[in-house]
C-alpha cells in the first residue's frame, strides 16, 4: 500500500495522548501484512486484559467501502478480522472497547469530514469513523489528519464528557471548518 504522508504527525499525536493518560501499553503495528495482522489478532483474542479497564484501537490506513481497510499486501474487513477476535476475548467482557478509524470509506467527496459514531449490537463496542460510508477521509500531507488530532484534543479538553458528546463536538468543528 502507498505511503500515507502526514501519518507520522498523527502517530506522534497518539503517542502524546497515551503518555498524558498513562495507558498501560501502546502497541504500534505499522505496515502489517494480512498474515501478520491475522497473527496479531489471534494473540489479542487470547491476551489477558483482566487488569485493563478498557481497550482503545486506533486504525489509520487507506480504506474502501464496506469497512475494508488496507493492510500492506491486501484488504481486511474491519468487523470479522478486527472487531470479532477482540469481542471473543472473555477478559474484555463488559469493558469499553473503542475503535477510532481514520480511513477512507469510498471515493466520493463530502463537504467536510463529519465524524460519525456507530454503536453495533455489541453493547460495549463503539466505533468512531473519520467519515461516512462511500466517502474519502482527508489527510494533510504535512499536518496529518484532522479527525485523529481533533478527537484526541477534545477528549483531553473535555474529560468530563462522554464519547457521544465528544463526537458531537467533532461534528461541530468540522461543520464550522467547512
Protein backbone atom coordinates (compact mmCIF):
# COMPACT_ATOMS: atom_id res chain seq x y z
CA UNK A 1 0.00 0.00 0.00
CA UNK A 2 1.21 3.51 -0.70
CA UNK A 3 2.79 5.80 1.88
CA UNK A 4 0.35 7.99 3.86
CA UNK A 5 2.08 11.37 4.04
CA UNK A 6 1.24 13.12 7.30
CA UNK A 7 0.58 9.90 9.24
CA UNK A 8 3.69 10.38 11.35
CA UNK A 9 2.08 13.55 12.77
CA UNK A 10 -0.98 11.54 13.81
CA UNK A 11 1.18 8.80 15.31
CA UNK A 12 3.05 11.38 17.40
CA UNK A 13 -0.30 12.82 18.49
CA UNK A 14 -1.47 9.34 19.55
CA UNK A 15 1.77 8.72 21.47
CA UNK A 16 1.43 12.05 23.32
CA UNK A 17 -2.20 11.27 24.12
CA UNK A 18 -1.22 7.88 25.55
CA UNK A 19 1.52 9.46 27.67
CA UNK A 20 -0.92 12.03 29.03
CA UNK A 21 -3.36 9.32 30.09
CA UNK A 22 -0.66 6.89 31.23
CA UNK A 23 -2.01 3.99 29.23
CA UNK A 24 -0.75 0.59 30.31
CA UNK A 25 0.68 -0.16 26.93
CA UNK A 26 0.99 1.21 23.45
CA UNK A 27 1.32 -1.39 20.74
CA UNK A 28 2.08 0.19 17.38
CA UNK A 29 1.54 -2.06 14.38
CA UNK A 30 2.88 -0.35 11.27
CA UNK A 31 2.59 -1.68 7.74
CA UNK A 32 1.33 -5.10 8.73
CA UNK A 33 0.75 -7.78 6.10
CA UNK A 34 -2.55 -9.67 6.20
CA UNK A 35 -0.80 -12.71 7.68
CA UNK A 36 0.89 -10.65 10.38
CA UNK A 37 -2.40 -8.89 11.15
CA UNK A 38 -4.19 -12.23 11.47
CA UNK A 39 -1.48 -13.46 13.86
CA UNK A 40 -1.74 -10.25 15.90
CA UNK A 41 -5.50 -10.62 16.21
CA UNK A 42 -5.16 -14.25 17.35
CA UNK A 43 -2.83 -13.07 20.12
CA UNK A 44 -5.20 -10.28 21.15
CA UNK A 45 -8.14 -12.70 21.21
CA UNK A 46 -6.41 -14.72 23.98
CA UNK A 47 -4.47 -11.97 25.77
CA UNK A 48 -5.32 -11.44 29.43
CA UNK A 49 -6.87 -7.96 29.76
CA UNK A 50 -8.10 -8.56 33.31
CA UNK A 51 -6.06 -5.66 34.73
CA UNK A 52 -7.19 -3.25 31.98
CA UNK A 53 -10.23 -1.03 32.32
CA UNK A 54 -10.84 -0.70 28.58
CA UNK A 55 -9.31 -1.18 25.15
CA UNK A 56 -8.69 1.53 22.57
CA UNK A 57 -7.88 0.55 18.99
CA UNK A 58 -6.87 3.30 16.57
CA UNK A 59 -6.64 2.32 12.92
CA UNK A 60 -5.01 4.73 10.48
CA UNK A 61 -4.76 3.40 6.96
CA UNK A 62 -6.15 3.59 3.47
CA UNK A 63 -9.69 2.28 3.29
CA UNK A 64 -12.52 1.42 0.95
CA UNK A 65 -16.26 0.79 1.01
CA UNK A 66 -17.90 -1.80 3.27
CA UNK A 67 -15.34 -1.31 6.08
CA UNK A 68 -12.47 -2.72 4.03
CA UNK A 69 -9.12 -1.41 5.24
CA UNK A 70 -5.76 -1.83 3.57
CA UNK A 71 -3.01 -3.92 5.08
CA UNK A 72 0.41 -3.80 3.46
CA UNK A 73 -0.46 -6.55 0.97
CA UNK A 74 -4.25 -6.59 0.70
CA UNK A 75 -7.60 -5.73 2.25
CA UNK A 76 -9.07 -6.83 5.56
CA UNK A 77 -12.63 -6.46 6.77
CA UNK A 78 -12.96 -4.48 9.99
CA UNK A 79 -15.77 -6.45 11.62
CA UNK A 80 -14.71 -10.11 11.16
CA UNK A 81 -10.95 -9.52 11.08
CA UNK A 82 -10.53 -6.96 13.88
CA UNK A 83 -13.69 -6.45 15.95
CA UNK A 84 -14.82 -10.08 16.26
CA UNK A 85 -11.50 -11.50 17.57
CA UNK A 86 -11.41 -8.75 20.21
CA UNK A 87 -15.02 -9.34 21.24
CA UNK A 88 -14.28 -13.07 21.65
CA UNK A 89 -11.75 -12.27 24.38
CA UNK A 90 -13.60 -13.08 27.61
CA UNK A 91 -11.32 -10.82 29.69
CA UNK A 92 -12.78 -7.81 27.81
CA UNK A 93 -16.38 -8.75 28.53
CA UNK A 94 -18.37 -5.74 29.76
CA UNK A 95 -15.35 -3.42 29.35
CA UNK A 96 -15.50 -0.49 26.94
CA UNK A 97 -13.84 -1.22 23.61
CA UNK A 98 -13.33 1.84 21.42
CA UNK A 99 -12.36 1.85 17.76
CA UNK A 100 -11.21 5.10 16.16
CA UNK A 101 -10.90 4.56 12.41
CA UNK A 102 -9.09 7.10 10.26
CA UNK A 103 -9.51 5.71 6.74
CA UNK A 104 -11.43 6.43 3.58
CA UNK A 105 -14.68 4.53 3.16
CA UNK A 106 -15.02 5.03 -0.60
CA UNK A 107 -14.15 7.54 -3.32
CA UNK A 108 -16.87 10.18 -3.09
CA UNK A 109 -16.08 13.57 -1.64
CA UNK A 110 -18.09 15.26 1.11
CA UNK A 111 -18.15 18.92 2.07
CA UNK A 112 -16.40 18.04 5.34
CA UNK A 113 -15.03 15.09 7.25
CA UNK A 114 -18.08 14.87 9.52
CA UNK A 115 -17.08 12.34 12.14
CA UNK A 116 -19.54 9.54 12.71
CA UNK A 117 -20.14 7.23 15.64
CA UNK A 118 -21.59 3.75 15.19
CA UNK A 119 -22.63 1.51 18.02
CA UNK A 120 -23.36 -2.05 16.94
CA UNK A 121 -25.43 -4.60 18.81
CA UNK A 122 -22.37 -5.37 20.93
CA UNK A 123 -23.17 -3.17 23.91
CA UNK A 124 -19.57 -2.45 24.95
CA UNK A 125 -18.30 -1.60 21.44
CA UNK A 126 -18.14 1.87 19.95
CA UNK A 127 -16.69 2.55 16.50
CA UNK A 128 -15.89 6.14 15.56
CA UNK A 129 -15.19 6.84 11.91
CA UNK A 130 -13.49 9.84 10.36
CA UNK A 131 -16.01 9.87 7.51
CA UNK A 132 -19.22 8.35 6.15
CA UNK A 133 -19.58 5.15 4.11
CA UNK A 134 -18.68 5.72 0.47
CA UNK A 135 -16.58 8.85 1.03
CA UNK A 136 -12.93 9.71 1.33
CA UNK A 137 -11.27 10.88 4.54
CA UNK A 138 -8.99 13.89 4.34
CA UNK A 139 -5.35 13.89 5.43
CA UNK A 140 -2.94 16.79 5.12
CA UNK A 141 0.44 15.53 3.91
CA UNK A 142 2.29 17.84 6.31
CA UNK A 143 -0.02 18.10 9.33
CA UNK A 144 -1.76 14.72 9.38
CA UNK A 145 -5.47 14.07 9.77
CA UNK A 146 -7.93 16.44 11.34
CA UNK A 147 -10.09 13.66 12.78
CA UNK A 148 -7.44 11.98 14.95
CA UNK A 149 -5.96 15.25 16.16
CA UNK A 150 -9.28 16.96 16.93
CA UNK A 151 -10.70 13.79 18.54
CA UNK A 152 -7.77 13.35 20.93
CA UNK A 153 -7.60 17.09 21.68
CA UNK A 154 -11.28 17.23 22.52
CA UNK A 155 -11.05 14.17 24.76
CA UNK A 156 -8.25 15.92 26.69
CA UNK A 157 -10.12 19.22 26.79
CA UNK A 158 -13.48 17.74 27.80
CA UNK A 159 -12.58 14.89 30.15
CA UNK A 160 -15.94 15.31 31.88
CA UNK A 161 -17.94 14.48 28.72
CA UNK A 162 -18.83 11.07 27.35
CA UNK A 163 -17.73 9.95 23.90
CA UNK A 164 -21.05 10.69 22.18
CA UNK A 165 -20.82 14.30 23.40
CA UNK A 166 -17.21 14.47 22.14
CA UNK A 167 -18.29 13.18 18.73
CA UNK A 168 -20.96 15.91 18.60
CA UNK A 169 -18.24 18.47 19.29
CA UNK A 170 -16.14 17.00 16.48
CA UNK A 171 -19.06 17.25 14.06
CA UNK A 172 -19.46 20.91 15.04
CA UNK A 173 -15.73 21.54 14.49
CA UNK A 174 -15.90 20.01 11.02
CA UNK A 175 -19.11 21.87 10.20
CA UNK A 176 -17.53 25.22 11.20
CA UNK A 177 -14.39 24.41 9.18
CA UNK A 178 -16.48 23.83 6.04
